[in-house]
Amino acid sequence: MKKGLVYTNENCIGCNKCIRACSCIGACVSTQPDERGISQIEVDGSLCVACGACFDVCEHKARAFRDDTEDFFKDLENGEAVSLLIAPAFQANYPNEYASVLGGLKALGVRRMINVSFGADITTWGYINYIREHDFSGGISQPCPAVVGYIERYIPELIPKLFPVQSPLMCAAIYA
């Protein structure tokens, strides 16, 4: 099974709630029972759009996102050019800590820190230009990768309706 952003951890008891909640048919698949007779529900990364519906319904906390924190610090240690994209809420949620956290990361070697709100400015500029330069007849904005992934995999006839403008996060990443 292809590994993706979402995976099943050892807490899974095979209750199938994630299968019922998942809008992507085949993304959650029951495995063969183990020696104890317990099946787990695995995630097919090629079908999963990482929307989080399975996280919401799982009372056993059996879903997890792939964590690349160790890779991040290893890249810093190896002198890789690392940039951070910082959500505008970070400063609001941690008003007393954000400066020391970001300063510490800068001291460890982070080269650039970009506020994602700057990406929102780029996205807005892109929408305005697209609307002005094309015969605008409505479209689907794409700030949510789960929505875009779902359209690309399951409703490809809507792809032409997706605005050809990246999300604020992606615009900030491209700039970084």
N, C-alpha and C. Protein backbone atom coordinates (compact mmCIF):
# COMPACT_ATOMS: atom_id res chain seq x y z
N MET A 1 0.84 -1.17 0.00
CA MET A 1 0.00 0.00 0.00
C MET A 1 0.89 1.24 0.00
N LYS A 2 0.57 2.21 -0.82
CA LYS A 2 1.38 3.42 -0.92
C LYS A 2 1.25 4.26 0.35
N LYS A 3 2.39 4.63 0.90
CA LYS A 3 2.40 5.46 2.09
C LYS A 3 2.16 6.91 1.70
N GLY A 4 1.45 7.62 2.54
CA GLY A 4 1.15 9.01 2.27
C GLY A 4 1.30 9.85 3.52
N LEU A 5 0.64 10.97 3.52
CA LEU A 5 0.70 11.91 4.63
C LEU A 5 0.01 11.36 5.87
N VAL A 6 -1.06 10.58 5.68
CA VAL A 6 -1.84 10.01 6.78
C VAL A 6 -1.53 8.52 6.88
N TYR A 7 -1.38 8.02 8.09
CA TYR A 7 -1.17 6.59 8.27
C TYR A 7 -1.90 6.09 9.51
N THR A 8 -2.00 4.77 9.63
CA THR A 8 -2.65 4.12 10.76
C THR A 8 -1.59 3.72 11.77
N ASN A 9 -1.83 4.06 13.04
CA ASN A 9 -0.88 3.64 14.07
C ASN A 9 -1.40 2.40 14.80
N GLU A 10 -0.69 1.99 15.84
CA GLU A 10 -1.01 0.73 16.53
C GLU A 10 -2.30 0.78 17.35
N ASN A 11 -2.94 1.93 17.47
CA ASN A 11 -4.18 2.03 18.25
C ASN A 11 -5.41 1.52 17.50
N CYS A 12 -5.28 1.24 16.22
CA CYS A 12 -6.44 0.85 15.41
C CYS A 12 -7.00 -0.50 15.88
N ILE A 13 -8.33 -0.53 16.07
CA ILE A 13 -9.00 -1.78 16.46
C ILE A 13 -9.90 -2.30 15.34
N GLY A 14 -9.87 -1.65 14.18
CA GLY A 14 -10.66 -2.11 13.05
C GLY A 14 -12.14 -1.85 13.17
N CYS A 15 -12.54 -0.75 13.79
CA CYS A 15 -13.96 -0.48 14.00
C CYS A 15 -14.67 0.02 12.74
N ASN A 16 -13.92 0.42 11.73
CA ASN A 16 -14.44 0.85 10.42
C ASN A 16 -15.08 2.23 10.40
N LYS A 17 -15.02 2.98 11.50
CA LYS A 17 -15.61 4.33 11.49
C LYS A 17 -14.93 5.22 10.45
N CYS A 18 -13.64 5.04 10.28
CA CYS A 18 -12.92 5.86 9.30
C CYS A 18 -13.38 5.54 7.88
N ILE A 19 -13.67 4.28 7.62
CA ILE A 19 -14.15 3.89 6.28
C ILE A 19 -15.47 4.58 5.99
N ARG A 20 -16.37 4.60 6.98
CA ARG A 20 -17.67 5.26 6.79
C ARG A 20 -17.53 6.76 6.60
N ALA A 21 -16.56 7.37 7.28
CA ALA A 21 -16.40 8.83 7.21
C ALA A 21 -15.66 9.29 5.96
N CYS A 22 -14.90 8.40 5.34
CA CYS A 22 -14.03 8.78 4.22
C CYS A 22 -14.83 8.98 2.94
N SER A 23 -14.63 10.11 2.29
CA SER A 23 -15.31 10.39 1.03
C SER A 23 -14.57 9.81 -0.18
N CYS A 24 -13.39 9.26 0.04
CA CYS A 24 -12.58 8.72 -1.05
C CYS A 24 -12.64 7.19 -1.01
N ILE A 25 -13.47 6.64 -1.85
CA ILE A 25 -13.68 5.20 -1.85
C ILE A 25 -12.36 4.47 -2.09
N GLY A 26 -12.05 3.56 -1.17
CA GLY A 26 -10.83 2.77 -1.29
C GLY A 26 -9.62 3.35 -0.59
N ALA A 27 -9.73 4.57 -0.05
CA ALA A 27 -8.59 5.16 0.64
C ALA A 27 -8.34 4.49 1.99
N CYS A 28 -9.40 4.02 2.63
CA CYS A 28 -9.29 3.28 3.89
C CYS A 28 -9.64 1.82 3.60
N VAL A 29 -8.70 0.92 3.87
CA VAL A 29 -8.87 -0.48 3.50
C VAL A 29 -8.62 -1.37 4.71
N SER A 30 -9.54 -2.30 4.95
CA SER A 30 -9.40 -3.25 6.05
C SER A 30 -8.35 -4.30 5.69
N THR A 31 -7.46 -4.57 6.62
CA THR A 31 -6.42 -5.59 6.41
C THR A 31 -6.95 -6.96 6.85
N GLN A 32 -6.21 -7.99 6.53
CA GLN A 32 -6.55 -9.33 7.00
C GLN A 32 -6.36 -9.37 8.52
N PRO A 33 -7.21 -10.09 9.24
CA PRO A 33 -7.06 -10.17 10.69
C PRO A 33 -5.69 -10.74 11.07
N ASP A 34 -5.13 -10.21 12.16
CA ASP A 34 -3.86 -10.73 12.65
C ASP A 34 -4.11 -11.99 13.49
N GLU A 35 -3.06 -12.47 14.18
CA GLU A 35 -3.19 -13.70 14.96
C GLU A 35 -4.20 -13.57 16.11
N ARG A 36 -4.51 -12.34 16.51
CA ARG A 36 -5.52 -12.12 17.55
C ARG A 36 -6.92 -11.97 16.97
N GLY A 37 -7.01 -11.98 15.63
CA GLY A 37 -8.30 -11.82 14.97
C GLY A 37 -8.70 -10.37 14.76
N ILE A 38 -7.75 -9.44 14.92
CA ILE A 38 -8.04 -8.01 14.79
C ILE A 38 -7.56 -7.51 13.44
N SER A 39 -8.45 -6.85 12.73
CA SER A 39 -8.08 -6.19 11.47
C SER A 39 -7.75 -4.74 11.79
N GLN A 40 -6.92 -4.15 10.97
CA GLN A 40 -6.67 -2.72 11.06
C GLN A 40 -7.12 -2.09 9.76
N ILE A 41 -7.34 -0.80 9.81
CA ILE A 41 -7.73 -0.07 8.62
C ILE A 41 -6.52 0.72 8.15
N GLU A 42 -5.96 0.33 7.01
CA GLU A 42 -4.79 1.00 6.44
C GLU A 42 -5.24 2.12 5.51
N VAL A 43 -4.35 3.08 5.31
CA VAL A 43 -4.62 4.21 4.43
C VAL A 43 -3.82 4.04 3.15
N ASP A 44 -4.50 4.10 2.01
CA ASP A 44 -3.83 4.08 0.71
C ASP A 44 -3.49 5.52 0.34
N GLY A 45 -2.22 5.86 0.43
CA GLY A 45 -1.78 7.22 0.17
C GLY A 45 -2.04 7.72 -1.23
N SER A 46 -2.24 6.82 -2.18
CA SER A 46 -2.52 7.26 -3.55
C SER A 46 -3.98 7.67 -3.72
N LEU A 47 -4.84 7.30 -2.77
CA LEU A 47 -6.26 7.66 -2.85
C LEU A 47 -6.67 8.67 -1.79
N CYS A 48 -5.95 8.73 -0.69
CA CYS A 48 -6.27 9.63 0.41
C CYS A 48 -5.95 11.08 0.02
N VAL A 49 -6.88 12.00 0.36
CA VAL A 49 -6.63 13.42 0.08
C VAL A 49 -6.27 14.19 1.36
N ALA A 50 -6.07 13.48 2.46
CA ALA A 50 -5.64 14.06 3.74
C ALA A 50 -6.60 15.14 4.24
N CYS A 51 -7.90 14.87 4.14
CA CYS A 51 -8.90 15.84 4.58
C CYS A 51 -9.08 15.85 6.09
N GLY A 52 -8.75 14.75 6.76
CA GLY A 52 -8.85 14.67 8.21
C GLY A 52 -10.16 14.10 8.74
N ALA A 53 -11.07 13.69 7.86
CA ALA A 53 -12.36 13.14 8.33
C ALA A 53 -12.14 11.92 9.22
N CYS A 54 -11.16 11.09 8.89
CA CYS A 54 -10.89 9.89 9.70
C CYS A 54 -10.37 10.27 11.09
N PHE A 55 -9.63 11.36 11.20
CA PHE A 55 -9.15 11.83 12.50
C PHE A 55 -10.34 12.21 13.38
N ASP A 56 -11.32 12.88 12.77
CA ASP A 56 -12.47 13.38 13.52
C ASP A 56 -13.32 12.27 14.12
N VAL A 57 -13.46 11.15 13.42
CA VAL A 57 -14.36 10.08 13.90
C VAL A 57 -13.65 9.02 14.73
N CYS A 58 -12.34 8.98 14.70
CA CYS A 58 -11.62 7.91 15.40
C CYS A 58 -11.45 8.24 16.89
N GLU A 59 -12.19 7.51 17.70
CA GLU A 59 -12.10 7.73 19.15
C GLU A 59 -10.89 7.01 19.76
N HIS A 60 -10.18 6.24 18.96
CA HIS A 60 -9.02 5.48 19.44
C HIS A 60 -7.70 6.17 19.10
N LYS A 61 -7.80 7.31 18.43
CA LYS A 61 -6.61 8.07 18.01
C LYS A 61 -5.66 7.20 17.21
N ALA A 62 -6.25 6.47 16.25
CA ALA A 62 -5.47 5.52 15.44
C ALA A 62 -4.94 6.13 14.15
N ARG A 63 -5.23 7.37 13.88
CA ARG A 63 -4.71 8.03 12.69
C ARG A 63 -3.64 9.02 13.11
N ALA A 64 -2.63 9.14 12.28
CA ALA A 64 -1.55 10.08 12.55
C ALA A 64 -1.05 10.65 11.23
N PHE A 65 -0.48 11.84 11.29
CA PHE A 65 0.18 12.43 10.13
C PHE A 65 1.65 12.06 10.19
N ARG A 66 2.23 11.86 9.03
CA ARG A 66 3.67 11.59 8.96
C ARG A 66 4.40 12.81 9.53
N ASP A 67 5.33 12.57 10.41
CA ASP A 67 6.06 13.64 11.09
C ASP A 67 7.48 13.71 10.53
N ASP A 68 7.83 14.86 9.98
CA ASP A 68 9.18 15.00 9.42
C ASP A 68 10.05 15.94 10.26
N THR A 69 9.74 16.05 11.55
CA THR A 69 10.50 16.94 12.43
C THR A 69 11.97 16.54 12.49
N GLU A 70 12.25 15.25 12.60
CA GLU A 70 13.64 14.80 12.66
C GLU A 70 14.38 15.15 11.37
N ASP A 71 13.71 14.98 10.23
CA ASP A 71 14.32 15.35 8.94
C ASP A 71 14.62 16.85 8.90
N PHE A 72 13.71 17.65 9.43
CA PHE A 72 13.89 19.11 9.48
C PHE A 72 15.17 19.46 10.22
N PHE A 73 15.33 18.92 11.43
CA PHE A 73 16.52 19.24 12.22
C PHE A 73 17.79 18.63 11.61
N LYS A 74 17.68 17.47 10.98
CA LYS A 74 18.83 16.87 10.31
C LYS A 74 19.27 17.75 9.13
N ASP A 75 18.30 18.28 8.38
CA ASP A 75 18.63 19.18 7.27
C ASP A 75 19.32 20.44 7.78
N LEU A 76 18.84 20.99 8.89
CA LEU A 76 19.51 22.17 9.47
C LEU A 76 20.94 21.82 9.87
N GLU A 77 21.11 20.68 10.50
CA GLU A 77 22.43 20.23 10.94
C GLU A 77 23.38 20.05 9.76
N ASN A 78 22.85 19.61 8.63
CA ASN A 78 23.66 19.39 7.43
C ASN A 78 23.85 20.64 6.59
N GLY A 79 23.36 21.79 7.07
CA GLY A 79 23.57 23.04 6.36
C GLY A 79 22.65 23.26 5.17
N GLU A 80 21.56 22.51 5.08
CA GLU A 80 20.60 22.70 3.98
C GLU A 80 19.95 24.08 4.11
N ALA A 81 19.57 24.64 2.97
CA ALA A 81 18.86 25.92 2.96
C ALA A 81 17.40 25.66 3.33
N VAL A 82 17.04 25.97 4.57
CA VAL A 82 15.70 25.71 5.07
C VAL A 82 14.99 27.03 5.29
N SER A 83 13.75 27.10 4.80
CA SER A 83 12.90 28.26 5.03
C SER A 83 11.69 27.81 5.84
N LEU A 84 11.14 28.72 6.64
CA LEU A 84 9.93 28.44 7.41
C LEU A 84 8.79 29.28 6.88
N LEU A 85 7.62 28.67 6.80
CA LEU A 85 6.40 29.39 6.48
C LEU A 85 5.61 29.46 7.78
N ILE A 86 5.33 30.65 8.23
CA ILE A 86 4.73 30.84 9.54
C ILE A 86 3.30 31.32 9.40
N ALA A 87 2.39 30.58 10.01
CA ALA A 87 0.98 30.96 9.98
C ALA A 87 0.79 32.25 10.77
N PRO A 88 -0.09 33.13 10.30
CA PRO A 88 -0.34 34.38 11.04
C PRO A 88 -0.79 34.11 12.48
N ALA A 89 -1.46 33.00 12.71
CA ALA A 89 -1.96 32.69 14.05
C ALA A 89 -0.84 32.33 15.04
N PHE A 90 0.34 32.00 14.55
CA PHE A 90 1.42 31.60 15.45
C PHE A 90 1.72 32.68 16.47
N GLN A 91 1.87 33.91 16.01
CA GLN A 91 2.16 35.02 16.92
C GLN A 91 0.98 35.28 17.86
N ALA A 92 -0.23 35.17 17.33
CA ALA A 92 -1.41 35.41 18.17
C ALA A 92 -1.58 34.33 19.23
N ASN A 93 -1.28 33.09 18.88
CA ASN A 93 -1.44 31.98 19.83
C ASN A 93 -0.33 31.91 20.87
N TYR A 94 0.85 32.40 20.51
CA TYR A 94 2.00 32.33 21.41
C TYR A 94 2.66 33.71 21.52
N PRO A 95 1.92 34.70 22.04
CA PRO A 95 2.45 36.07 22.04
C PRO A 95 3.72 36.24 22.87
N ASN A 96 3.91 35.43 23.88
CA ASN A 96 5.09 35.57 24.74
C ASN A 96 6.26 34.69 24.31
N GLU A 97 5.99 33.71 23.45
CA GLU A 97 7.03 32.75 23.09
C GLU A 97 7.52 32.85 21.66
N TYR A 98 6.70 33.43 20.77
CA TYR A 98 7.01 33.32 19.34
C TYR A 98 8.38 33.89 18.98
N ALA A 99 8.77 35.02 19.57
CA ALA A 99 10.05 35.64 19.21
C ALA A 99 11.22 34.74 19.59
N SER A 100 11.17 34.14 20.77
CA SER A 100 12.29 33.28 21.18
C SER A 100 12.31 31.97 20.37
N VAL A 101 11.13 31.44 20.02
CA VAL A 101 11.08 30.22 19.20
C VAL A 101 11.69 30.50 17.83
N LEU A 102 11.25 31.58 17.20
CA LEU A 102 11.77 31.91 15.87
C LEU A 102 13.25 32.28 15.93
N GLY A 103 13.65 32.99 16.98
CA GLY A 103 15.07 33.33 17.15
C GLY A 103 15.92 32.08 17.33
N GLY A 104 15.42 31.13 18.09
CA GLY A 104 16.14 29.87 18.28
C GLY A 104 16.29 29.10 16.98
N LEU A 105 15.23 29.07 16.18
CA LEU A 105 15.30 28.38 14.89
C LEU A 105 16.26 29.09 13.94
N LYS A 106 16.27 30.40 14.00
CA LYS A 106 17.21 31.17 13.17
C LYS A 106 18.65 30.84 13.60
N ALA A 107 18.88 30.74 14.90
CA ALA A 107 20.21 30.41 15.40
C ALA A 107 20.64 29.00 14.98
N LEU A 108 19.67 28.11 14.79
CA LEU A 108 19.99 26.75 14.34
C LEU A 108 20.26 26.66 12.85
N GLY A 109 19.97 27.75 12.11
CA GLY A 109 20.31 27.75 10.70
C GLY A 109 19.18 28.01 9.72
N VAL A 110 17.96 28.26 10.21
CA VAL A 110 16.87 28.58 9.28
C VAL A 110 17.24 29.87 8.56
N ARG A 111 17.16 29.85 7.23
CA ARG A 111 17.63 30.98 6.44
C ARG A 111 16.57 32.06 6.22
N ARG A 112 15.32 31.63 5.97
CA ARG A 112 14.25 32.60 5.71
C ARG A 112 13.02 32.21 6.51
N MET A 113 12.31 33.23 6.96
CA MET A 113 11.03 33.03 7.64
C MET A 113 10.02 33.94 6.96
N ILE A 114 8.99 33.33 6.42
CA ILE A 114 8.00 34.07 5.65
C ILE A 114 6.63 33.89 6.29
N ASN A 115 5.95 34.98 6.54
CA ASN A 115 4.59 34.92 7.07
C ASN A 115 3.66 34.56 5.92
N VAL A 116 2.80 33.57 6.15
CA VAL A 116 1.90 33.10 5.10
C VAL A 116 0.93 34.19 4.67
N SER A 117 0.71 35.21 5.50
CA SER A 117 -0.17 36.31 5.08
C SER A 117 0.42 37.03 3.87
N PHE A 118 1.74 36.99 3.72
CA PHE A 118 2.35 37.54 2.51
C PHE A 118 1.93 36.72 1.29
N GLY A 119 1.85 35.41 1.46
CA GLY A 119 1.35 34.55 0.39
C GLY A 119 -0.09 34.87 0.04
N ALA A 120 -0.89 35.27 1.04
CA ALA A 120 -2.28 35.66 0.77
C ALA A 120 -2.33 36.91 -0.11
N ASP A 121 -1.40 37.82 0.10
CA ASP A 121 -1.33 39.01 -0.77
C ASP A 121 -1.02 38.61 -2.21
N ILE A 122 -0.10 37.68 -2.38
CA ILE A 122 0.24 37.20 -3.73
C ILE A 122 -0.96 36.50 -4.36
N THR A 123 -1.65 35.67 -3.58
CA THR A 123 -2.83 34.97 -4.07
C THR A 123 -3.91 35.95 -4.52
N THR A 124 -4.16 36.97 -3.71
CA THR A 124 -5.17 37.98 -4.06
C THR A 124 -4.80 38.67 -5.36
N TRP A 125 -3.53 39.04 -5.49
CA TRP A 125 -3.06 39.66 -6.73
C TRP A 125 -3.31 38.73 -7.92
N GLY A 126 -3.03 37.43 -7.73
CA GLY A 126 -3.24 36.46 -8.80
C GLY A 126 -4.69 36.34 -9.20
N TYR A 127 -5.59 36.31 -8.22
CA TYR A 127 -7.02 36.24 -8.53
C TYR A 127 -7.48 37.47 -9.29
N ILE A 128 -7.09 38.63 -8.82
CA ILE A 128 -7.51 39.88 -9.48
C ILE A 128 -7.02 39.90 -10.91
N ASN A 129 -5.77 39.55 -11.14
CA ASN A 129 -5.24 39.54 -12.51
C ASN A 129 -5.94 38.51 -13.38
N TYR A 130 -6.20 37.33 -12.84
CA TYR A 130 -6.87 36.30 -13.63
C TYR A 130 -8.28 36.74 -14.01
N ILE A 131 -9.00 37.30 -13.06
CA ILE A 131 -10.37 37.77 -13.33
C ILE A 131 -10.38 38.86 -14.38
N ARG A 132 -9.43 39.77 -14.28
CA ARG A 132 -9.36 40.88 -15.26
C ARG A 132 -8.98 40.39 -16.65
N GLU A 133 -8.06 39.44 -16.75
CA GLU A 133 -7.51 39.04 -18.04
C GLU A 133 -8.30 37.94 -18.75
N HIS A 134 -9.25 37.31 -18.06
CA HIS A 134 -10.00 36.20 -18.66
C HIS A 134 -11.49 36.47 -18.58
N ASP A 135 -12.22 35.79 -19.39
CA ASP A 135 -13.67 35.89 -19.36
C ASP A 135 -14.14 35.14 -18.11
N PHE A 136 -14.30 35.86 -17.03
CA PHE A 136 -14.60 35.25 -15.75
C PHE A 136 -16.04 34.75 -15.70
N SER A 137 -16.20 33.45 -15.51
CA SER A 137 -17.55 32.88 -15.42
C SER A 137 -17.71 32.07 -14.15
N GLY A 138 -16.90 32.35 -13.17
CA GLY A 138 -16.96 31.63 -11.90
C GLY A 138 -15.96 30.50 -11.85
N GLY A 139 -15.54 30.19 -10.68
CA GLY A 139 -14.56 29.13 -10.54
C GLY A 139 -14.43 28.69 -9.10
N ILE A 140 -13.52 27.77 -8.87
CA ILE A 140 -13.30 27.21 -7.54
C ILE A 140 -11.92 27.66 -7.09
N SER A 141 -11.88 28.40 -5.98
CA SER A 141 -10.57 28.78 -5.44
C SER A 141 -9.95 27.54 -4.80
N GLN A 142 -8.65 27.56 -4.60
CA GLN A 142 -8.00 26.34 -4.13
C GLN A 142 -7.10 26.54 -2.92
N PRO A 143 -7.63 27.09 -1.83
CA PRO A 143 -6.78 27.20 -0.65
C PRO A 143 -6.65 25.89 0.12
N CYS A 144 -7.50 24.92 -0.17
CA CYS A 144 -7.50 23.66 0.59
C CYS A 144 -6.97 22.52 -0.26
N PRO A 145 -5.80 21.97 0.08
CA PRO A 145 -5.24 20.88 -0.72
C PRO A 145 -6.14 19.64 -0.76
N ALA A 146 -6.92 19.40 0.29
CA ALA A 146 -7.81 18.24 0.28
C ALA A 146 -8.89 18.38 -0.79
N VAL A 147 -9.43 19.59 -0.95
CA VAL A 147 -10.46 19.82 -1.97
C VAL A 147 -9.85 19.66 -3.36
N VAL A 148 -8.69 20.25 -3.57
CA VAL A 148 -8.03 20.15 -4.87
C VAL A 148 -7.69 18.69 -5.18
N GLY A 149 -7.12 17.98 -4.21
CA GLY A 149 -6.79 16.58 -4.41
C GLY A 149 -8.01 15.74 -4.72
N TYR A 150 -9.12 16.03 -4.05
CA TYR A 150 -10.36 15.30 -4.31
C TYR A 150 -10.83 15.54 -5.74
N ILE A 151 -10.82 16.80 -6.16
CA ILE A 151 -11.24 17.12 -7.53
C ILE A 151 -10.33 16.44 -8.54
N GLU A 152 -9.02 16.53 -8.32
CA GLU A 152 -8.07 15.93 -9.27
C GLU A 152 -8.25 14.42 -9.39
N ARG A 153 -8.52 13.75 -8.28
CA ARG A 153 -8.62 12.29 -8.30
C ARG A 153 -10.00 11.76 -8.64
N TYR A 154 -11.05 12.49 -8.21
CA TYR A 154 -12.39 11.91 -8.28
C TYR A 154 -13.39 12.67 -9.15
N ILE A 155 -13.15 13.95 -9.41
CA ILE A 155 -14.06 14.72 -10.26
C ILE A 155 -13.23 15.53 -11.27
N PRO A 156 -12.43 14.86 -12.10
CA PRO A 156 -11.50 15.58 -12.99
C PRO A 156 -12.19 16.55 -13.95
N GLU A 157 -13.48 16.35 -14.21
CA GLU A 157 -14.18 17.29 -15.10
C GLU A 157 -14.28 18.69 -14.48
N LEU A 158 -14.04 18.83 -13.18
CA LEU A 158 -14.04 20.15 -12.54
C LEU A 158 -12.68 20.83 -12.57
N ILE A 159 -11.64 20.14 -12.99
CA ILE A 159 -10.30 20.74 -13.01
C ILE A 159 -10.27 22.06 -13.77
N PRO A 160 -10.93 22.19 -14.93
CA PRO A 160 -10.91 23.48 -15.61
C PRO A 160 -11.55 24.62 -14.81
N LYS A 161 -12.37 24.29 -13.82
CA LYS A 161 -13.01 25.31 -12.98
C LYS A 161 -12.12 25.78 -11.83
N LEU A 162 -11.04 25.04 -11.56
CA LEU A 162 -10.11 25.47 -10.51
C LEU A 162 -9.37 26.71 -10.99
N PHE A 163 -9.36 27.73 -10.16
CA PHE A 163 -8.58 28.92 -10.51
C PHE A 163 -7.11 28.52 -10.61
N PRO A 164 -6.41 29.00 -11.62
CA PRO A 164 -4.99 28.66 -11.75
C PRO A 164 -4.11 29.55 -10.87
N VAL A 165 -4.52 29.69 -9.62
CA VAL A 165 -3.79 30.51 -8.65
C VAL A 165 -3.58 29.63 -7.42
N GLN A 166 -2.36 29.59 -6.95
CA GLN A 166 -2.03 28.75 -5.80
C GLN A 166 -2.63 29.31 -4.51
N SER A 167 -2.66 28.48 -3.49
CA SER A 167 -3.13 28.89 -2.16
C SER A 167 -2.12 29.86 -1.54
N PRO A 168 -2.53 30.60 -0.51
CA PRO A 168 -1.57 31.49 0.16
C PRO A 168 -0.32 30.75 0.66
N LEU A 169 -0.50 29.56 1.20
CA LEU A 169 0.65 28.79 1.68
C LEU A 169 1.60 28.46 0.54
N MET A 170 1.06 28.01 -0.58
CA MET A 170 1.91 27.65 -1.72
C MET A 170 2.58 28.89 -2.33
N CYS A 171 1.85 30.01 -2.39
CA CYS A 171 2.47 31.23 -2.91
C CYS A 171 3.64 31.66 -2.03
N ALA A 172 3.47 31.54 -0.72
CA ALA A 172 4.57 31.87 0.19
C ALA A 172 5.72 30.89 0.00
N ALA A 173 5.41 29.60 -0.20
CA ALA A 173 6.45 28.59 -0.40
C ALA A 173 7.23 28.84 -1.69
N ILE A 174 6.52 29.20 -2.74
CA ILE A 174 7.19 29.49 -4.01
C ILE A 174 8.10 30.70 -3.86
N TYR A 175 7.63 31.70 -3.14
CA TYR A 175 8.44 32.90 -2.90
C TYR A 175 9.67 32.57 -2.06
N ALA A 176 9.49 31.69 -1.08
CA ALA A 176 10.59 31.35 -0.15
C ALA A 176 11.72 30.68 -0.90
